[in-house]
Amino acid sequence: MAGWVEREERRGRGEERRGKGEERRGEERRGEERRERRGEHRNTYKNTLFIQRCNSELKAKFREVSGKADKLGQFLRELTSSFPELSRMFKRTMCLFGSTYLCGKLFSTLNFNKSKYRSRLTDEHLQALLRVSTASSLKPNVARLCERKRCQVSSSKK
């Protein structure tokens, strides 16, 4: 009975012993309260979208560039200065499409090269095949290769 009374008295004075999880939750709550007092918001993405929705000048610029890939880069450079968080998220989203395409292309090439007909490939050969087959701008310079090659003329005496 005495232990219960002591705990209640400590709780009233704010001296209650807490577990680590409770302390962390308390720290998180205090951090959120501090951010709210300073005017910082936890979800910056929603806030930047709200600001963008309200910014009519930005809307007009986006309408000009929508559908034109060459002007999109210019729009993103202007967006970075005023909305850095939104710009960062947009860049990450756009990178996903290119990297997903390249990964899919690489795996389909790998499956083609590692078929049942070519099962004896070593890792080095497979790696070299993947490099050559995925290089999109690889164009052989035949004239230069011919210049470097020495012609071997057989000197057969009859």
C-alpha atoms as a PDB file:
ATOM      1  CA  MET A   1       0.000   0.000   0.000  1.00  0.00           C
ATOM      2  CA  ALA A   2       2.831   2.369   0.819  1.00  0.00           C
ATOM      3  CA  GLY A   3       4.439   1.796  -2.593  1.00  0.00           C
ATOM      4  CA  TRP A   4       1.250   2.787  -4.371  1.00  0.00           C
ATOM      5  CA  VAL A   5       0.936   5.998  -2.339  1.00  0.00           C
ATOM      6  CA  GLU A   6       4.557   6.931  -3.060  1.00  0.00           C
ATOM      7  CA  ARG A   7       4.071   6.364  -6.798  1.00  0.00           C
ATOM      8  CA  GLU A   8       0.979   8.559  -6.810  1.00  0.00           C
ATOM      9  CA  GLU A   9       2.834  11.313  -4.965  1.00  0.00           C
ATOM     10  CA  ARG A  10       5.751  11.118  -7.416  1.00  0.00           C
ATOM     11  CA  ARG A  11       3.342  11.162 -10.340  1.00  0.00           C
ATOM     12  CA  GLY A  12       1.736  14.304  -8.955  1.00  0.00           C
ATOM     13  CA  ARG A  13       5.138  15.998  -8.667  1.00  0.00           C
ATOM     14  CA  GLY A  14       6.181  14.803 -12.152  1.00  0.00           C
ATOM     15  CA  GLU A  15       8.908  12.506 -10.789  1.00  0.00           C
ATOM     16  CA  GLU A  16       7.383   9.285 -12.054  1.00  0.00           C
ATOM     17  CA  ARG A  17       9.876   6.768 -13.405  1.00  0.00           C
ATOM     18  CA  ARG A  18       9.282   6.029 -17.034  1.00  0.00           C
ATOM     19  CA  GLY A  19      10.470   3.355 -19.386  1.00  0.00           C
ATOM     20  CA  LYS A  20      12.660   4.172 -22.396  1.00  0.00           C
ATOM     21  CA  GLY A  21       9.740   4.015 -24.811  1.00  0.00           C
ATOM     22  CA  GLU A  22       7.714   6.473 -22.761  1.00  0.00           C
ATOM     23  CA  GLU A  23      10.692   8.844 -22.541  1.00  0.00           C
ATOM     24  CA  ARG A  24      11.142   8.765 -26.324  1.00  0.00           C
ATOM     25  CA  ARG A  25       7.472   9.442 -26.933  1.00  0.00           C
ATOM     26  CA  GLY A  26       7.675  12.362 -24.523  1.00  0.00           C
ATOM     27  CA  GLU A  27      10.729  13.740 -26.322  1.00  0.00           C
ATOM     28  CA  GLU A  28       8.980  13.401 -29.680  1.00  0.00           C
ATOM     29  CA  ARG A  29       5.941  15.248 -28.348  1.00  0.00           C
ATOM     30  CA  ARG A  30       8.131  18.022 -26.933  1.00  0.00           C
ATOM     31  CA  GLY A  31       9.985  18.262 -30.276  1.00  0.00           C
ATOM     32  CA  GLU A  32       6.706  18.545 -32.175  1.00  0.00           C
ATOM     33  CA  GLU A  33       5.522  21.240 -29.783  1.00  0.00           C
ATOM     34  CA  ARG A  34       8.761  23.192 -30.313  1.00  0.00           C
ATOM     35  CA  ARG A  35       8.437  22.927 -34.098  1.00  0.00           C
ATOM     36  CA  GLU A  36       4.840  24.127 -33.932  1.00  0.00           C
ATOM     37  CA  ARG A  37       5.871  27.093 -31.791  1.00  0.00           C
ATOM     38  CA  ARG A  38       8.607  28.035 -34.281  1.00  0.00           C
ATOM     39  CA  GLY A  39       6.205  27.688 -37.188  1.00  0.00           C
ATOM     40  CA  GLU A  40       7.871  24.606 -38.643  1.00  0.00           C
ATOM     41  CA  HIS A  41       5.518  21.962 -39.883  1.00  0.00           C
ATOM     42  CA  ARG A  42       6.159  18.264 -39.859  1.00  0.00           C
ATOM     43  CA  ASN A  43       4.876  17.493 -43.333  1.00  0.00           C
ATOM     44  CA  THR A  44       6.696  19.893 -45.655  1.00  0.00           C
ATOM     45  CA  TYR A  45       5.553  18.103 -48.811  1.00  0.00           C
ATOM     46  CA  LYS A  46       1.888  18.948 -48.192  1.00  0.00           C
ATOM     47  CA  ASN A  47       2.793  22.511 -47.311  1.00  0.00           C
ATOM     48  CA  THR A  48       4.829  23.054 -50.468  1.00  0.00           C
ATOM     49  CA  LEU A  49       2.023  21.593 -52.554  1.00  0.00           C
ATOM     50  CA  PHE A  50      -0.373  23.983 -50.846  1.00  0.00           C
ATOM     51  CA  ILE A  51       1.921  26.935 -51.560  1.00  0.00           C
ATOM     52  CA  GLN A  52       2.358  25.809 -55.166  1.00  0.00           C
ATOM     53  CA  ARG A  53      -1.397  25.536 -55.564  1.00  0.00           C
ATOM     54  CA  CYS A  54      -1.742  29.113 -54.348  1.00  0.00           C
ATOM     55  CA  ASN A  55       1.113  30.493 -56.446  1.00  0.00           C
ATOM     56  CA  SER A  56      -0.523  31.536 -59.731  1.00  0.00           C
ATOM     57  CA  GLU A  57       2.762  32.582 -61.370  1.00  0.00           C
ATOM     58  CA  LEU A  58       4.188  29.113 -60.806  1.00  0.00           C
ATOM     59  CA  LYS A  59       1.017  27.554 -62.206  1.00  0.00           C
ATOM     60  CA  ALA A  60       1.317  29.599 -65.384  1.00  0.00           C
ATOM     61  CA  LYS A  61       4.968  28.585 -65.862  1.00  0.00           C
ATOM     62  CA  PHE A  62       4.088  24.933 -65.357  1.00  0.00           C
ATOM     63  CA  ARG A  63       1.336  25.140 -67.981  1.00  0.00           C
ATOM     64  CA  GLU A  64       3.861  26.575 -70.465  1.00  0.00           C
ATOM     65  CA  VAL A  65       6.314  23.711 -69.996  1.00  0.00           C
ATOM     66  CA  SER A  66       3.912  20.803 -69.640  1.00  0.00           C
ATOM     67  CA  GLY A  67       4.457  18.479 -72.568  1.00  0.00           C
ATOM     68  CA  LYS A  68       7.774  20.079 -73.557  1.00  0.00           C
ATOM     69  CA  ALA A  69      10.704  18.090 -72.210  1.00  0.00           C
ATOM     70  CA  ASP A  70      13.334  20.656 -73.217  1.00  0.00           C
ATOM     71  CA  LYS A  71      11.733  23.429 -71.133  1.00  0.00           C
ATOM     72  CA  LEU A  72      11.133  21.182 -68.127  1.00  0.00           C
ATOM     73  CA  GLY A  73      14.779  21.496 -67.033  1.00  0.00           C
ATOM     74  CA  GLN A  74      14.509  25.277 -66.986  1.00  0.00           C
ATOM     75  CA  PHE A  75      11.327  25.056 -64.921  1.00  0.00           C
ATOM     76  CA  LEU A  76      13.049  22.741 -62.429  1.00  0.00           C
ATOM     77  CA  ARG A  77      15.991  25.141 -62.041  1.00  0.00           C
ATOM     78  CA  GLU A  78      13.571  27.952 -61.205  1.00  0.00           C
ATOM     79  CA  LEU A  79      11.614  25.656 -58.903  1.00  0.00           C
ATOM     80  CA  THR A  80      14.721  24.728 -56.897  1.00  0.00           C
ATOM     81  CA  SER A  81      15.233  28.238 -55.579  1.00  0.00           C
ATOM     82  CA  SER A  82      11.691  28.746 -54.315  1.00  0.00           C
ATOM     83  CA  PHE A  83      10.604  25.154 -53.533  1.00  0.00           C
ATOM     84  CA  PRO A  84      13.682  23.023 -52.784  1.00  0.00           C
ATOM     85  CA  GLU A  85      11.760  20.158 -51.145  1.00  0.00           C
ATOM     86  CA  LEU A  86       9.284  19.827 -54.009  1.00  0.00           C
ATOM     87  CA  SER A  87      12.110  19.980 -56.542  1.00  0.00           C
ATOM     88  CA  ARG A  88      14.026  17.239 -54.715  1.00  0.00           C
ATOM     89  CA  MET A  89      10.958  14.962 -54.633  1.00  0.00           C
ATOM     90  CA  PHE A  90      10.230  15.583 -58.312  1.00  0.00           C
ATOM     91  CA  LYS A  91      13.806  14.685 -59.294  1.00  0.00           C
ATOM     92  CA  ARG A  92      13.663  11.465 -57.264  1.00  0.00           C
ATOM     93  CA  THR A  93      10.373  10.481 -58.876  1.00  0.00           C
ATOM     94  CA  MET A  94      11.664  11.141 -62.383  1.00  0.00           C
ATOM     95  CA  CYS A  95      14.837   9.096 -61.736  1.00  0.00           C
ATOM     96  CA  LEU A  96      12.758   6.043 -60.837  1.00  0.00           C
ATOM     97  CA  PHE A  97      11.428   5.627 -64.366  1.00  0.00           C
ATOM     98  CA  GLY A  98      14.843   5.652 -66.026  1.00  0.00           C
ATOM     99  CA  SER A  99      16.467   3.328 -63.515  1.00  0.00           C
ATOM    100  CA  THR A 100      13.557   0.861 -63.652  1.00  0.00           C
ATOM    101  CA  TYR A 101      13.781   0.757 -67.435  1.00  0.00           C
ATOM    102  CA  LEU A 102      17.538   0.165 -67.371  1.00  0.00           C
ATOM    103  CA  CYS A 103      17.229  -2.610 -64.767  1.00  0.00           C
ATOM    104  CA  GLY A 104      14.540  -4.344 -66.822  1.00  0.00           C
ATOM    105  CA  LYS A 105      16.636  -4.059 -69.970  1.00  0.00           C
ATOM    106  CA  LEU A 106      19.690  -5.447 -68.192  1.00  0.00           C
ATOM    107  CA  PHE A 107      17.834  -8.456 -66.765  1.00  0.00           C
ATOM    108  CA  SER A 108      16.205  -9.339 -70.075  1.00  0.00           C
ATOM    109  CA  THR A 109      19.635  -9.175 -71.733  1.00  0.00           C
ATOM    110  CA  LEU A 110      21.060 -11.331 -68.953  1.00  0.00           C
ATOM    111  CA  ASN A 111      18.298 -13.919 -69.416  1.00  0.00           C
ATOM    112  CA  PHE A 112      18.887 -13.956 -73.164  1.00  0.00           C
ATOM    113  CA  ASN A 113      22.630 -14.477 -72.736  1.00  0.00           C
ATOM    114  CA  LYS A 114      22.221 -17.077 -69.974  1.00  0.00           C
ATOM    115  CA  SER A 115      19.908 -19.298 -71.968  1.00  0.00           C
ATOM    116  CA  LYS A 116      20.180 -23.068 -72.143  1.00  0.00           C
ATOM    117  CA  TYR A 117      22.246 -22.714 -75.298  1.00  0.00           C
ATOM    118  CA  ARG A 118      24.868 -20.575 -73.585  1.00  0.00           C
ATOM    119  CA  SER A 119      24.978 -22.201 -70.174  1.00  0.00           C
ATOM    120  CA  ARG A 120      28.747 -22.638 -70.214  1.00  0.00           C
ATOM    121  CA  LEU A 121      29.509 -18.922 -69.965  1.00  0.00           C
ATOM    122  CA  THR A 122      31.887 -17.916 -67.218  1.00  0.00           C
ATOM    123  CA  ASP A 123      31.171 -14.863 -65.091  1.00  0.00           C
ATOM    124  CA  GLU A 124      33.819 -12.821 -66.913  1.00  0.00           C
ATOM    125  CA  HIS A 125      32.354 -13.674 -70.322  1.00  0.00           C
ATOM    126  CA  LEU A 126      28.838 -12.880 -69.139  1.00  0.00           C
ATOM    127  CA  GLN A 127      29.972  -9.560 -67.691  1.00  0.00           C
ATOM    128  CA  ALA A 128      31.680  -8.634 -70.966  1.00  0.00           C
ATOM    129  CA  LEU A 129      28.574  -9.620 -72.946  1.00  0.00           C
ATOM    130  CA  LEU A 130      26.371  -7.472 -70.714  1.00  0.00           C
ATOM    131  CA  ARG A 131      28.681  -4.482 -71.102  1.00  0.00           C
ATOM    132  CA  VAL A 132      28.676  -4.745 -74.875  1.00  0.00           C
ATOM    133  CA  SER A 133      24.964  -5.467 -75.244  1.00  0.00           C
ATOM    134  CA  THR A 134      23.780  -2.686 -72.908  1.00  0.00           C
ATOM    135  CA  ALA A 135      26.048   0.040 -74.269  1.00  0.00           C
ATOM    136  CA  SER A 136      23.649   2.072 -76.388  1.00  0.00           C
ATOM    137  CA  SER A 137      26.223   4.443 -77.885  1.00  0.00           C
ATOM    138  CA  LEU A 138      28.817   1.842 -78.807  1.00  0.00           C
ATOM    139  CA  LYS A 139      29.797   2.290 -82.449  1.00  0.00           C
ATOM    140  CA  PRO A 140      32.916   0.566 -83.742  1.00  0.00           C
ATOM    141  CA  ASN A 141      35.416   2.656 -85.666  1.00  0.00           C
ATOM    142  CA  VAL A 142      36.212   0.161 -88.420  1.00  0.00           C
ATOM    143  CA  ALA A 143      38.647   2.421 -90.262  1.00  0.00           C
ATOM    144  CA  ARG A 144      40.779   2.923 -87.150  1.00  0.00           C
ATOM    145  CA  LEU A 145      40.714  -0.791 -86.353  1.00  0.00           C
ATOM    146  CA  CYS A 146      41.885  -1.616 -89.884  1.00  0.00           C
ATOM    147  CA  GLU A 147      44.750   0.889 -89.629  1.00  0.00           C
ATOM    148  CA  ARG A 148      46.021  -0.691 -86.432  1.00  0.00           C
ATOM    149  CA  LYS A 149      45.860  -4.224 -87.773  1.00  0.00           C
ATOM    150  CA  ARG A 150      48.876  -5.511 -89.634  1.00  0.00           C
ATOM    151  CA  CYS A 151      48.256  -7.560 -92.655  1.00  0.00           C
ATOM    152  CA  GLN A 152      50.079 -10.841 -92.486  1.00  0.00           C
ATOM    153  CA  VAL A 153      51.113 -11.967 -95.873  1.00  0.00           C
ATOM    154  CA  SER A 154      52.221 -15.526 -96.078  1.00  0.00           C
ATOM    155  CA  SER A 155      55.403 -16.011 -97.954  1.00  0.00           C
ATOM    156  CA  SER A 156      54.980 -19.367 -99.451  1.00  0.00           C
ATOM    157  CA  LYS A 157      57.660 -20.477-101.838  1.00  0.00           C
ATOM    158  CA  LYS A 158      56.661 -22.761-104.586  1.00  0.00           C
END
